[in-house]
Amino acid sequence: MLFILRFDRRKCWDTLSSKVDVHGAIVVQIDHAVTADEIVLLKEATPQSYRAWHMDLIGGFIDNDLRLRWPSPEEELKTLLDRMQPGDRLWLARSKRYEPHVLIGNVGVAVVRDGVPLWYRIAWQH
């Protein structure tokens, strides 16, 4: 059985708050603006320490082929790093409501300016 899926880009735009690039590909925003009451800052980070932390989250079990194709931490975090201004810091963070034993919450990385989180990317959703 063959299924042909068609989608209306206008409907997708409205539903996903996404954009369609010049080649017709759907681009979904993965970084979102946050406020201090939405997340808890855990520890200051660098792209490299974020990668090590992320690998620990997934248990370090990565196929070697996948490991070779995985982008560098700087490439992976490019959109967050591009939002940073001088003096901004990366922080490991988690959602305010965090109960992983019942699959509630998430952890990720945030751009912080003067102690206030501005942008957040979820790395692991429970």
PDB file of N, CA and C in Angstrom:
ATOM      1  N   MET A   1       0.841  -1.165   0.000  1.00  0.00           N
ATOM      2  CA  MET A   1       0.000   0.000   0.000  1.00  0.00           C
ATOM      3  C   MET A   1       0.893   1.237   0.000  1.00  0.00           C
ATOM      4  N   LEU A   2       0.578   2.207  -0.825  1.00  0.00           N
ATOM      5  CA  LEU A   2       1.381   3.418  -0.966  1.00  0.00           C
ATOM      6  C   LEU A   2       0.579   4.602  -0.457  1.00  0.00           C
ATOM      7  N   PHE A   3       1.198   5.369   0.411  1.00  0.00           N
ATOM      8  CA  PHE A   3       0.565   6.579   0.915  1.00  0.00           C
ATOM      9  C   PHE A   3       1.301   7.778   0.360  1.00  0.00           C
ATOM     10  N   ILE A   4       0.565   8.707  -0.157  1.00  0.00           N
ATOM     11  CA  ILE A   4       1.157   9.957  -0.611  1.00  0.00           C
ATOM     12  C   ILE A   4       0.653  11.042   0.321  1.00  0.00           C
ATOM     13  N   LEU A   5       1.576  11.675   0.997  1.00  0.00           N
ATOM     14  CA  LEU A   5       1.212  12.708   1.952  1.00  0.00           C
ATOM     15  C   LEU A   5       1.400  14.075   1.313  1.00  0.00           C
ATOM     16  N   ARG A   6       0.400  14.879   1.416  1.00  0.00           N
ATOM     17  CA  ARG A   6       0.473  16.251   0.930  1.00  0.00           C
ATOM     18  C   ARG A   6       0.214  17.168   2.121  1.00  0.00           C
ATOM     19  N   PHE A   7       0.826  18.314   2.101  1.00  0.00           N
ATOM     20  CA  PHE A   7       0.564  19.248   3.172  1.00  0.00           C
ATOM     21  C   PHE A   7       0.416  20.653   2.609  1.00  0.00           C
ATOM     22  N   ASP A   8      -0.350  21.424   3.299  1.00  0.00           N
ATOM     23  CA  ASP A   8      -0.557  22.819   2.949  1.00  0.00           C
ATOM     24  C   ASP A   8       0.461  23.624   3.743  1.00  0.00           C
ATOM     25  N   ARG A   9       1.395  24.278   3.062  1.00  0.00           N
ATOM     26  CA  ARG A   9       2.447  25.014   3.767  1.00  0.00           C
ATOM     27  C   ARG A   9       1.876  26.115   4.649  1.00  0.00           C
ATOM     28  N   ARG A  10       0.780  26.737   4.206  1.00  0.00           N
ATOM     29  CA  ARG A  10       0.177  27.785   5.031  1.00  0.00           C
ATOM     30  C   ARG A  10      -0.346  27.198   6.334  1.00  0.00           C
ATOM     31  N   LYS A  11      -0.964  26.042   6.265  1.00  0.00           N
ATOM     32  CA  LYS A  11      -1.474  25.396   7.474  1.00  0.00           C
ATOM     33  C   LYS A  11      -0.311  24.984   8.372  1.00  0.00           C
ATOM     34  N   CYS A  12       0.751  24.459   7.776  1.00  0.00           N
ATOM     35  CA  CYS A  12       1.929  24.063   8.541  1.00  0.00           C
ATOM     36  C   CYS A  12       2.529  25.289   9.224  1.00  0.00           C
ATOM     37  N   TRP A  13       2.606  26.401   8.507  1.00  0.00           N
ATOM     38  CA  TRP A  13       3.142  27.642   9.080  1.00  0.00           C
ATOM     39  C   TRP A  13       2.361  28.015  10.325  1.00  0.00           C
ATOM     40  N   ASP A  14       1.022  27.979  10.223  1.00  0.00           N
ATOM     41  CA  ASP A  14       0.185  28.347  11.361  1.00  0.00           C
ATOM     42  C   ASP A  14       0.306  27.343  12.494  1.00  0.00           C
ATOM     43  N   THR A  15       0.353  26.064  12.175  1.00  0.00           N
ATOM     44  CA  THR A  15       0.347  25.023  13.191  1.00  0.00           C
ATOM     45  C   THR A  15       1.672  24.937  13.934  1.00  0.00           C
ATOM     46  N   LEU A  16       2.775  24.931  13.203  1.00  0.00           N
ATOM     47  CA  LEU A  16       4.079  24.711  13.817  1.00  0.00           C
ATOM     48  C   LEU A  16       4.841  25.987  14.135  1.00  0.00           C
ATOM     49  N   SER A  17       4.304  27.125  13.739  1.00  0.00           N
ATOM     50  CA  SER A  17       5.046  28.381  13.837  1.00  0.00           C
ATOM     51  C   SER A  17       6.403  28.211  13.186  1.00  0.00           C
ATOM     52  N   SER A  18       6.401  27.537  12.067  1.00  0.00           N
ATOM     53  CA  SER A  18       7.644  27.272  11.352  1.00  0.00           C
ATOM     54  C   SER A  18       7.714  28.154  10.130  1.00  0.00           C
ATOM     55  N   LYS A  19       8.826  28.056   9.443  1.00  0.00           N
ATOM     56  CA  LYS A  19       9.029  28.810   8.220  1.00  0.00           C
ATOM     57  C   LYS A  19       9.404  27.844   7.116  1.00  0.00           C
ATOM     58  N   VAL A  20       9.176  28.251   5.905  1.00  0.00           N
ATOM     59  CA  VAL A  20       9.586  27.463   4.751  1.00  0.00           C
ATOM     60  C   VAL A  20      10.737  28.206   4.105  1.00  0.00           C
ATOM     61  N   ASP A  21      11.876  27.520   3.922  1.00  0.00           N
ATOM     62  CA  ASP A  21      13.032  28.194   3.340  1.00  0.00           C
ATOM     63  C   ASP A  21      12.874  28.299   1.817  1.00  0.00           C
ATOM     64  N   VAL A  22      13.878  28.884   1.167  1.00  0.00           N
ATOM     65  CA  VAL A  22      13.790  29.134  -0.275  1.00  0.00           C
ATOM     66  C   VAL A  22      13.723  27.852  -1.091  1.00  0.00           C
ATOM     67  N   HIS A  23      14.095  26.731  -0.511  1.00  0.00           N
ATOM     68  CA  HIS A  23      14.046  25.456  -1.219  1.00  0.00           C
ATOM     69  C   HIS A  23      12.764  24.682  -0.926  1.00  0.00           C
ATOM     70  N   GLY A  24      11.874  25.273  -0.145  1.00  0.00           N
ATOM     71  CA  GLY A  24      10.623  24.616   0.191  1.00  0.00           C
ATOM     72  C   GLY A  24      10.696  23.721   1.409  1.00  0.00           C
ATOM     73  N   ALA A  25      11.844  23.667   2.065  1.00  0.00           N
ATOM     74  CA  ALA A  25      11.985  22.833   3.263  1.00  0.00           C
ATOM     75  C   ALA A  25      11.400  23.563   4.470  1.00  0.00           C
ATOM     76  N   ILE A  26      10.808  22.809   5.367  1.00  0.00           N
ATOM     77  CA  ILE A  26      10.233  23.390   6.570  1.00  0.00           C
ATOM     78  C   ILE A  26      11.338  23.561   7.602  1.00  0.00           C
ATOM     79  N   VAL A  27      11.437  24.747   8.171  1.00  0.00           N
ATOM     80  CA  VAL A  27      12.433  25.051   9.182  1.00  0.00           C
ATOM     81  C   VAL A  27      11.688  25.300  10.491  1.00  0.00           C
ATOM     82  N   VAL A  28      11.943  24.482  11.495  1.00  0.00           N
ATOM     83  CA  VAL A  28      11.269  24.610  12.781  1.00  0.00           C
ATOM     84  C   VAL A  28      12.230  25.253  13.771  1.00  0.00           C
ATOM     85  N   GLN A  29      11.740  26.232  14.497  1.00  0.00           N
ATOM     86  CA  GLN A  29      12.553  26.923  15.489  1.00  0.00           C
ATOM     87  C   GLN A  29      12.740  26.025  16.706  1.00  0.00           C
ATOM     88  N   ILE A  30      13.988  25.726  17.069  1.00  0.00           N
ATOM     89  CA  ILE A  30      14.224  24.846  18.212  1.00  0.00           C
ATOM     90  C   ILE A  30      14.633  25.599  19.466  1.00  0.00           C
ATOM     91  N   ASP A  31      15.017  26.863  19.324  1.00  0.00           N
ATOM     92  CA  ASP A  31      15.348  27.693  20.476  1.00  0.00           C
ATOM     93  C   ASP A  31      14.132  28.570  20.760  1.00  0.00           C
ATOM     94  N   HIS A  32      13.783  28.707  22.010  1.00  0.00           N
ATOM     95  CA  HIS A  32      12.655  29.572  22.300  1.00  0.00           C
ATOM     96  C   HIS A  32      12.966  30.517  23.457  1.00  0.00           C
ATOM     97  N   ALA A  33      12.330  31.670  23.416  1.00  0.00           N
ATOM     98  CA  ALA A  33      12.514  32.669  24.466  1.00  0.00           C
ATOM     99  C   ALA A  33      11.928  32.145  25.767  1.00  0.00           C
ATOM    100  N   VAL A  34      12.605  32.433  26.866  1.00  0.00           N
ATOM    101  CA  VAL A  34      12.134  31.993  28.184  1.00  0.00           C
ATOM    102  C   VAL A  34      12.243  33.136  29.183  1.00  0.00           C
ATOM    103  N   THR A  35      11.606  32.925  30.315  1.00  0.00           N
ATOM    104  CA  THR A  35      11.730  33.855  31.436  1.00  0.00           C
ATOM    105  C   THR A  35      12.288  33.083  32.630  1.00  0.00           C
ATOM    106  N   ALA A  36      12.734  33.823  33.619  1.00  0.00           N
ATOM    107  CA  ALA A  36      13.350  33.205  34.799  1.00  0.00           C
ATOM    108  C   ALA A  36      12.389  32.306  35.561  1.00  0.00           C
ATOM    109  N   ASP A  37      11.084  32.513  35.413  1.00  0.00           N
ATOM    110  CA  ASP A  37      10.148  31.668  36.148  1.00  0.00           C
ATOM    111  C   ASP A  37       9.806  30.373  35.411  1.00  0.00           C
ATOM    112  N   GLU A  38      10.393  30.149  34.221  1.00  0.00           N
ATOM    113  CA  GLU A  38      10.132  28.926  33.461  1.00  0.00           C
ATOM    114  C   GLU A  38      11.190  27.849  33.633  1.00  0.00           C
ATOM    115  N   ILE A  39      12.441  28.266  33.900  1.00  0.00           N
ATOM    116  CA  ILE A  39      13.532  27.299  34.004  1.00  0.00           C
ATOM    117  C   ILE A  39      14.380  27.568  35.240  1.00  0.00           C
ATOM    118  N   VAL A  40      15.150  26.552  35.625  1.00  0.00           N
ATOM    119  CA  VAL A  40      16.092  26.642  36.740  1.00  0.00           C
ATOM    120  C   VAL A  40      17.488  26.491  36.145  1.00  0.00           C
ATOM    121  N   LEU A  41      18.354  27.446  36.423  1.00  0.00           N
ATOM    122  CA  LEU A  41      19.737  27.370  35.945  1.00  0.00           C
ATOM    123  C   LEU A  41      20.523  26.417  36.840  1.00  0.00           C
ATOM    124  N   LEU A  42      21.265  25.505  36.220  1.00  0.00           N
ATOM    125  CA  LEU A  42      21.980  24.484  36.983  1.00  0.00           C
ATOM    126  C   LEU A  42      23.472  24.752  37.107  1.00  0.00           C
ATOM    127  N   LYS A  43      24.114  25.047  35.964  1.00  0.00           N
ATOM    128  CA  LYS A  43      25.571  25.178  35.971  1.00  0.00           C
ATOM    129  C   LYS A  43      26.007  25.901  34.710  1.00  0.00           C
ATOM    130  N   GLU A  44      26.967  26.818  34.863  1.00  0.00           N
ATOM    131  CA  GLU A  44      27.507  27.504  33.690  1.00  0.00           C
ATOM    132  C   GLU A  44      28.199  26.487  32.783  1.00  0.00           C
ATOM    133  N   ALA A  45      28.134  26.706  31.491  1.00  0.00           N
ATOM    134  CA  ALA A  45      28.640  25.712  30.542  1.00  0.00           C
ATOM    135  C   ALA A  45      29.370  26.377  29.379  1.00  0.00           C
ATOM    136  N   THR A  46      30.082  25.545  28.653  1.00  0.00           N
ATOM    137  CA  THR A  46      30.672  25.902  27.365  1.00  0.00           C
ATOM    138  C   THR A  46      30.074  24.931  26.351  1.00  0.00           C
ATOM    139  N   PRO A  47      30.243  25.180  25.061  1.00  0.00           N
ATOM    140  CA  PRO A  47      29.741  24.189  24.103  1.00  0.00           C
ATOM    141  C   PRO A  47      30.313  22.790  24.352  1.00  0.00           C
ATOM    142  N   GLN A  48      31.582  22.715  24.739  1.00  0.00           N
ATOM    143  CA  GLN A  48      32.208  21.412  24.981  1.00  0.00           C
ATOM    144  C   GLN A  48      31.651  20.739  26.237  1.00  0.00           C
ATOM    145  N   SER A  49      31.447  21.510  27.318  1.00  0.00           N
ATOM    146  CA  SER A  49      30.901  20.890  28.529  1.00  0.00           C
ATOM    147  C   SER A  49      29.430  20.521  28.325  1.00  0.00           C
ATOM    148  N   TYR A  50      28.717  21.291  27.486  1.00  0.00           N
ATOM    149  CA  TYR A  50      27.344  20.923  27.137  1.00  0.00           C
ATOM    150  C   TYR A  50      27.337  19.575  26.429  1.00  0.00           C
ATOM    151  N   ARG A  51      28.265  19.367  25.485  1.00  0.00           N
ATOM    152  CA  ARG A  51      28.316  18.104  24.748  1.00  0.00           C
ATOM    153  C   ARG A  51      28.582  16.937  25.693  1.00  0.00           C
ATOM    154  N   ALA A  52      29.534  17.101  26.615  1.00  0.00           N
ATOM    155  CA  ALA A  52      29.842  16.036  27.577  1.00  0.00           C
ATOM    156  C   ALA A  52      28.619  15.740  28.446  1.00  0.00           C
ATOM    157  N   TRP A  53      27.926  16.783  28.889  1.00  0.00           N
ATOM    158  CA  TRP A  53      26.718  16.627  29.711  1.00  0.00           C
ATOM    159  C   TRP A  53      25.630  15.918  28.917  1.00  0.00           C
ATOM    160  N   HIS A  54      25.456  16.316  27.650  1.00  0.00           N
ATOM    161  CA  HIS A  54      24.447  15.700  26.791  1.00  0.00           C
ATOM    162  C   HIS A  54      24.763  14.217  26.576  1.00  0.00           C
ATOM    163  N   MET A  55      26.020  13.883  26.367  1.00  0.00           N
ATOM    164  CA  MET A  55      26.425  12.478  26.201  1.00  0.00           C
ATOM    165  C   MET A  55      26.134  11.681  27.468  1.00  0.00           C
ATOM    166  N   ASP A  56      26.354  12.281  28.632  1.00  0.00           N
ATOM    167  CA  ASP A  56      26.023  11.602  29.889  1.00  0.00           C
ATOM    168  C   ASP A  56      24.525  11.342  29.998  1.00  0.00           C
ATOM    169  N   LEU A  57      23.718  12.299  29.531  1.00  0.00           N
ATOM    170  CA  LEU A  57      22.260  12.132  29.571  1.00  0.00           C
ATOM    171  C   LEU A  57      21.806  10.910  28.787  1.00  0.00           C
ATOM    172  N   ILE A  58      22.431  10.706  27.634  1.00  0.00           N
ATOM    173  CA  ILE A  58      22.010   9.584  26.798  1.00  0.00           C
ATOM    174  C   ILE A  58      22.810   8.327  27.101  1.00  0.00           C
ATOM    175  N   GLY A  59      23.603   8.380  28.137  1.00  0.00           N
ATOM    176  CA  GLY A  59      24.311   7.199  28.598  1.00  0.00           C
ATOM    177  C   GLY A  59      25.602   6.922  27.864  1.00  0.00           C
ATOM    178  N   GLY A  60      26.003   7.821  26.981  1.00  0.00           N
ATOM    179  CA  GLY A  60      27.242   7.640  26.242  1.00  0.00           C
ATOM    180  C   GLY A  60      27.193   6.549  25.194  1.00  0.00           C
ATOM    181  N   PHE A  61      26.029   5.924  25.004  1.00  0.00           N
ATOM    182  CA  PHE A  61      25.891   4.837  24.041  1.00  0.00           C
ATOM    183  C   PHE A  61      25.553   5.399  22.661  1.00  0.00           C
ATOM    184  N   ILE A  62      26.587   5.765  21.935  1.00  0.00           N
ATOM    185  CA  ILE A  62      26.404   6.314  20.597  1.00  0.00           C
ATOM    186  C   ILE A  62      27.191   5.444  19.637  1.00  0.00           C
ATOM    187  N   ASP A  63      26.533   5.008  18.605  1.00  0.00           N
ATOM    188  CA  ASP A  63      27.200   4.244  17.559  1.00  0.00           C
ATOM    189  C   ASP A  63      28.354   5.074  17.001  1.00  0.00           C
ATOM    190  N   ASN A  64      29.482   4.444  16.735  1.00  0.00           N
ATOM    191  CA  ASN A  64      30.654   5.166  16.269  1.00  0.00           C
ATOM    192  C   ASN A  64      30.370   5.909  14.967  1.00  0.00           C
ATOM    193  N   ASP A  65      29.577   5.309  14.070  1.00  0.00           N
ATOM    194  CA  ASP A  65      29.236   5.978  12.819  1.00  0.00           C
ATOM    195  C   ASP A  65      28.464   7.260  13.098  1.00  0.00           C
ATOM    196  N   LEU A  66      27.530   7.200  14.030  1.00  0.00           N
ATOM    197  CA  LEU A  66      26.766   8.392  14.406  1.00  0.00           C
ATOM    198  C   LEU A  66      27.680   9.422  15.056  1.00  0.00           C
ATOM    199  N   ARG A  67      28.573   8.963  15.896  1.00  0.00           N
ATOM    200  CA  ARG A  67      29.507   9.868  16.566  1.00  0.00           C
ATOM    201  C   ARG A  67      30.339  10.645  15.546  1.00  0.00           C
ATOM    202  N   LEU A  68      30.750   9.987  14.471  1.00  0.00           N
ATOM    203  CA  LEU A  68      31.547  10.651  13.436  1.00  0.00           C
ATOM    204  C   LEU A  68      30.729  11.679  12.657  1.00  0.00           C
ATOM    205  N   ARG A  69      29.412  11.429  12.532  1.00  0.00           N
ATOM    206  CA  ARG A  69      28.556  12.350  11.775  1.00  0.00           C
ATOM    207  C   ARG A  69      27.958  13.448  12.642  1.00  0.00           C
ATOM    208  N   TRP A  70      28.053  13.329  13.951  1.00  0.00           N
ATOM    209  CA  TRP A  70      27.485  14.308  14.859  1.00  0.00           C
ATOM    210  C   TRP A  70      28.225  15.633  14.676  1.00  0.00           C
ATOM    211  N   PRO A  71      27.532  16.747  14.534  1.00  0.00           N
ATOM    212  CA  PRO A  71      28.222  18.032  14.352  1.00  0.00           C
ATOM    213  C   PRO A  71      28.987  18.421  15.610  1.00  0.00           C
ATOM    214  N   SER A  72      29.941  19.306  15.434  1.00  0.00           N
ATOM    215  CA  SER A  72      30.696  19.798  16.589  1.00  0.00           C
ATOM    216  C   SER A  72      29.733  20.514  17.530  1.00  0.00           C
ATOM    217  N   PRO A  73      30.105  20.655  18.805  1.00  0.00           N
ATOM    218  CA  PRO A  73      29.221  21.362  19.745  1.00  0.00           C
ATOM    219  C   PRO A  73      28.903  22.785  19.264  1.00  0.00           C
ATOM    220  N   GLU A  74      29.866  23.444  18.664  1.00  0.00           N
ATOM    221  CA  GLU A  74      29.640  24.805  18.163  1.00  0.00           C
ATOM    222  C   GLU A  74      28.627  24.819  17.022  1.00  0.00           C
ATOM    223  N   GLU A  75      28.693  23.811  16.151  1.00  0.00           N
ATOM    224  CA  GLU A  75      27.710  23.719  15.064  1.00  0.00           C
ATOM    225  C   GLU A  75      26.329  23.386  15.610  1.00  0.00           C
ATOM    226  N   GLU A  76      26.275  22.461  16.557  1.00  0.00           N
ATOM    227  CA  GLU A  76      25.001  22.055  17.135  1.00  0.00           C
ATOM    228  C   GLU A  76      24.294  23.226  17.830  1.00  0.00           C
ATOM    229  N   LEU A  77      25.069  24.068  18.488  1.00  0.00           N
ATOM    230  CA  LEU A  77      24.503  25.185  19.243  1.00  0.00           C
ATOM    231  C   LEU A  77      24.565  26.509  18.485  1.00  0.00           C
ATOM    232  N   LYS A  78      24.826  26.466  17.188  1.00  0.00           N
ATOM    233  CA  LYS A  78      25.052  27.680  16.399  1.00  0.00           C
ATOM    234  C   LYS A  78      23.957  28.727  16.571  1.00  0.00           C
ATOM    235  N   THR A  79      22.693  28.331  16.508  1.00  0.00           N
ATOM    236  CA  THR A  79      21.628  29.336  16.606  1.00  0.00           C
ATOM    237  C   THR A  79      21.593  29.985  17.985  1.00  0.00           C
ATOM    238  N   LEU A  80      21.905  29.216  19.025  1.00  0.00           N
ATOM    239  CA  LEU A  80      21.978  29.819  20.366  1.00  0.00           C
ATOM    240  C   LEU A  80      23.193  30.727  20.477  1.00  0.00           C
ATOM    241  N   LEU A  81      24.336  30.251  20.013  1.00  0.00           N
ATOM    242  CA  LEU A  81      25.561  31.043  20.100  1.00  0.00           C
ATOM    243  C   LEU A  81      25.435  32.337  19.300  1.00  0.00           C
ATOM    244  N   ASP A  82      24.728  32.302  18.175  1.00  0.00           N
ATOM    245  CA  ASP A  82      24.527  33.502  17.360  1.00  0.00           C
ATOM    246  C   ASP A  82      23.682  34.545  18.076  1.00  0.00           C
ATOM    247  N   ARG A  83      22.858  34.134  19.025  1.00  0.00           N
ATOM    248  CA  ARG A  83      22.012  35.065  19.773  1.00  0.00           C
ATOM    249  C   ARG A  83      22.775  35.752  20.907  1.00  0.00           C
ATOM    250  N   MET A  84      23.950  35.246  21.221  1.00  0.00           N
ATOM    251  CA  MET A  84      24.699  35.767  22.367  1.00  0.00           C
ATOM    252  C   MET A  84      25.373  37.094  22.044  1.00  0.00           C
ATOM    253  N   GLN A  85      25.414  37.953  23.046  1.00  0.00           N
ATOM    254  CA  GLN A  85      26.133  39.221  22.981  1.00  0.00           C
ATOM    255  C   GLN A  85      27.308  39.138  23.950  1.00  0.00           C
ATOM    256  N   PRO A  86      28.280  40.030  23.823  1.00  0.00           N
ATOM    257  CA  PRO A  86      29.399  40.008  24.760  1.00  0.00           C
ATOM    258  C   PRO A  86      28.903  40.032  26.207  1.00  0.00           C
ATOM    259  N   GLY A  87      29.444  39.142  27.015  1.00  0.00           N
ATOM    260  CA  GLY A  87      29.049  39.042  28.421  1.00  0.00           C
ATOM    261  C   GLY A  87      27.990  37.984  28.683  1.00  0.00           C
ATOM    262  N   ASP A  88      27.298  37.513  27.633  1.00  0.00           N
ATOM    263  CA  ASP A  88      26.301  36.449  27.811  1.00  0.00           C
ATOM    264  C   ASP A  88      27.006  35.135  28.114  1.00  0.00           C
ATOM    265  N   ARG A  89      26.304  34.246  28.795  1.00  0.00           N
ATOM    266  CA  ARG A  89      26.845  32.943  29.175  1.00  0.00           C
ATOM    267  C   ARG A  89      25.873  31.839  28.797  1.00  0.00           C
ATOM    268  N   LEU A  90      26.417  30.637  28.556  1.00  0.00           N
ATOM    269  CA  LEU A  90      25.598  29.435  28.391  1.00  0.00           C
ATOM    270  C   LEU A  90      25.459  28.778  29.754  1.00  0.00           C
ATOM    271  N   TRP A  91      24.258  28.284  30.041  1.00  0.00           N
ATOM    272  CA  TRP A  91      24.020  27.562  31.283  1.00  0.00           C
ATOM    273  C   TRP A  91      23.250  26.294  30.988  1.00  0.00           C
ATOM    274  N   LEU A  92      23.596  25.221  31.666  1.00  0.00           N
ATOM    275  CA  LEU A  92      22.762  24.031  31.671  1.00  0.00           C
ATOM    276  C   LEU A  92      21.552  24.387  32.524  1.00  0.00           C
ATOM    277  N   ALA A  93      20.387  23.915  32.123  1.00  0.00           N
ATOM    278  CA  ALA A  93      19.168  24.308  32.823  1.00  0.00           C
ATOM    279  C   ALA A  93      18.140  23.181  32.756  1.00  0.00           C
ATOM    280  N   ARG A  94      17.062  23.351  33.506  1.00  0.00           N
ATOM    281  CA  ARG A  94      15.944  22.402  33.469  1.00  0.00           C
ATOM    282  C   ARG A  94      14.656  23.180  33.661  1.00  0.00           C
ATOM    283  N   SER A  95      13.561  22.525  33.312  1.00  0.00           N
ATOM    284  CA  SER A  95      12.262  23.153  33.507  1.00  0.00           C
ATOM    285  C   SER A  95      11.973  23.284  35.000  1.00  0.00           C
ATOM    286  N   LYS A  96      11.138  24.262  35.362  1.00  0.00           N
ATOM    287  CA  LYS A  96      10.767  24.447  36.778  1.00  0.00           C
ATOM    288  C   LYS A  96      10.124  23.182  37.326  1.00  0.00           C
ATOM    289  N   ARG A  97       9.154  22.667  36.578  1.00  0.00           N
ATOM    290  CA  ARG A  97       8.521  21.408  37.004  1.00  0.00           C
ATOM    291  C   ARG A  97       9.349  20.277  36.418  1.00  0.00           C
ATOM    292  N   TYR A  98       9.987  19.539  37.282  1.00  0.00           N
ATOM    293  CA  TYR A  98      10.937  18.512  36.851  1.00  0.00           C
ATOM    294  C   TYR A  98      10.766  17.285  37.726  1.00  0.00           C
ATOM    295  N   GLU A  99      10.116  16.276  37.182  1.00  0.00           N
ATOM    296  CA  GLU A  99       9.903  15.017  37.886  1.00  0.00           C
ATOM    297  C   GLU A  99      10.168  13.872  36.911  1.00  0.00           C
ATOM    298  N   PRO A 100      11.438  13.576  36.627  1.00  0.00           N
ATOM    299  CA  PRO A 100      11.741  12.568  35.608  1.00  0.00           C
ATOM    300  C   PRO A 100      11.200  11.180  35.924  1.00  0.00           C
ATOM    301  N   HIS A 101      10.992  10.864  37.203  1.00  0.00           N
ATOM    302  CA  HIS A 101      10.466   9.539  37.553  1.00  0.00           C
ATOM    303  C   HIS A 101       9.034   9.343  37.064  1.00  0.00           C
ATOM    304  N   VAL A 102       8.327  10.448  36.776  1.00  0.00           N
ATOM    305  CA  VAL A 102       6.978  10.347  36.202  1.00  0.00           C
ATOM    306  C   VAL A 102       6.931  11.021  34.822  1.00  0.00           C
ATOM    307  N   LEU A 103       8.107  11.170  34.216  1.00  0.00           N
ATOM    308  CA  LEU A 103       8.254  11.689  32.856  1.00  0.00           C
ATOM    309  C   LEU A 103       7.690  13.097  32.677  1.00  0.00           C
ATOM    310  N   ILE A 104       7.994  13.965  33.634  1.00  0.00           N
ATOM    311  CA  ILE A 104       7.578  15.359  33.539  1.00  0.00           C
ATOM    312  C   ILE A 104       8.827  16.229  33.555  1.00  0.00           C
ATOM    313  N   GLY A 105       8.914  17.141  32.596  1.00  0.00           N
ATOM    314  CA  GLY A 105       9.987  18.123  32.573  1.00  0.00           C
ATOM    315  C   GLY A 105      10.987  17.884  31.470  1.00  0.00           C
ATOM    316  N   ASN A 106      11.977  18.761  31.430  1.00  0.00           N
ATOM    317  CA  ASN A 106      13.025  18.675  30.427  1.00  0.00           C
ATOM    318  C   ASN A 106      14.289  19.336  30.951  1.00  0.00           C
ATOM    319  N   VAL A 107      15.382  19.040  30.284  1.00  0.00           N
ATOM    320  CA  VAL A 107      16.662  19.673  30.574  1.00  0.00           C
ATOM    321  C   VAL A 107      17.220  20.195  29.259  1.00  0.00           C
ATOM    322  N   GLY A 108      18.074  21.211  29.363  1.00  0.00           N
ATOM    323  CA  GLY A 108      18.629  21.782  28.146  1.00  0.00           C
ATOM    324  C   GLY A 108      19.704  22.791  28.449  1.00  0.00           C
ATOM    325  N   VAL A 109      19.868  23.724  27.522  1.00  0.00           N
ATOM    326  CA  VAL A 109      20.897  24.743  27.629  1.00  0.00           C
ATOM    327  C   VAL A 109      20.253  26.102  27.356  1.00  0.00           C
ATOM    328  N   ALA A 110      20.702  27.110  28.118  1.00  0.00           N
ATOM    329  CA  ALA A 110      20.112  28.441  28.017  1.00  0.00           C
ATOM    330  C   ALA A 110      21.179  29.504  27.793  1.00  0.00           C
ATOM    331  N   VAL A 111      20.791  30.561  27.103  1.00  0.00           N
ATOM    332  CA  VAL A 111      21.611  31.765  26.994  1.00  0.00           C
ATOM    333  C   VAL A 111      21.170  32.675  28.131  1.00  0.00           C
ATOM    334  N   VAL A 112      22.139  33.119  28.939  1.00  0.00           N
ATOM    335  CA  VAL A 112      21.846  33.932  30.120  1.00  0.00           C
ATOM    336  C   VAL A 112      22.578  35.259  30.007  1.00  0.00           C
ATOM    337  N   ARG A 113      21.838  36.335  30.236  1.00  0.00           N
ATOM    338  CA  ARG A 113      22.417  37.682  30.203  1.00  0.00           C
ATOM    339  C   ARG A 113      22.153  38.344  31.544  1.00  0.00           C
ATOM    340  N   ASP A 114      23.209  38.764  32.217  1.00  0.00           N
ATOM    341  CA  ASP A 114      23.090  39.419  33.532  1.00  0.00           C
ATOM    342  C   ASP A 114      22.260  38.585  34.503  1.00  0.00           C
ATOM    343  N   GLY A 115      22.453  37.260  34.483  1.00  0.00           N
ATOM    344  CA  GLY A 115      21.759  36.364  35.397  1.00  0.00           C
ATOM    345  C   GLY A 115      20.329  36.021  35.005  1.00  0.00           C
ATOM    346  N   VAL A 116      19.882  36.510  33.852  1.00  0.00           N
ATOM    347  CA  VAL A 116      18.503  36.281  33.417  1.00  0.00           C
ATOM    348  C   VAL A 116      18.502  35.407  32.161  1.00  0.00           C
ATOM    349  N   PRO A 117      17.825  34.252  32.197  1.00  0.00           N
ATOM    350  CA  PRO A 117      17.762  33.408  30.992  1.00  0.00           C
ATOM    351  C   PRO A 117      16.900  34.065  29.914  1.00  0.00           C
ATOM    352  N   LEU A 118      17.413  34.025  28.676  1.00  0.00           N
ATOM    353  CA  LEU A 118      16.693  34.643  27.561  1.00  0.00           C
ATOM    354  C   LEU A 118      16.217  33.629  26.533  1.00  0.00           C
ATOM    355  N   TRP A 119      17.082  32.663  26.228  1.00  0.00           N
ATOM    356  CA  TRP A 119      16.787  31.652  25.214  1.00  0.00           C
ATOM    357  C   TRP A 119      17.072  30.285  25.785  1.00  0.00           C
ATOM    358  N   TYR A 120      16.293  29.291  25.349  1.00  0.00           N
ATOM    359  CA  TYR A 120      16.422  27.942  25.904  1.00  0.00           C
ATOM    360  C   TYR A 120      16.230  26.915  24.794  1.00  0.00           C
ATOM    361  N   ARG A 121      17.058  25.895  24.831  1.00  0.00           N
ATOM    362  CA  ARG A 121      16.920  24.759  23.916  1.00  0.00           C
ATOM    363  C   ARG A 121      16.815  23.484  24.736  1.00  0.00           C
ATOM    364  N   ILE A 122      15.761  22.736  24.508  1.00  0.00           N
ATOM    365  CA  ILE A 122      15.564  21.466  25.207  1.00  0.00           C
ATOM    366  C   ILE A 122      16.494  20.418  24.599  1.00  0.00           C
ATOM    367  N   ALA A 123      17.248  19.745  25.461  1.00  0.00           N
ATOM    368  CA  ALA A 123      18.141  18.673  25.019  1.00  0.00           C
ATOM    369  C   ALA A 123      17.534  17.304  25.306  1.00  0.00           C
ATOM    370  N   TRP A 124      16.720  17.222  26.348  1.00  0.00           N
ATOM    371  CA  TRP A 124      16.150  15.937  26.751  1.00  0.00           C
ATOM    372  C   TRP A 124      14.778  16.187  27.348  1.00  0.00           C
ATOM    373  N   GLN A 125      13.777  15.594  26.750  1.00  0.00           N
ATOM    374  CA  GLN A 125      12.396  15.737  27.237  1.00  0.00           C
ATOM    375  C   GLN A 125      12.009  14.449  27.949  1.00  0.00           C
ATOM    376  N   HIS A 126      11.512  14.563  29.159  1.00  0.00           N
ATOM    377  CA  HIS A 126      11.082  13.374  29.912  1.00  0.00           C
ATOM    378  C   HIS A 126       9.657  13.030  29.587  1.00  0.00           C
TER     379      HIS A 126
END
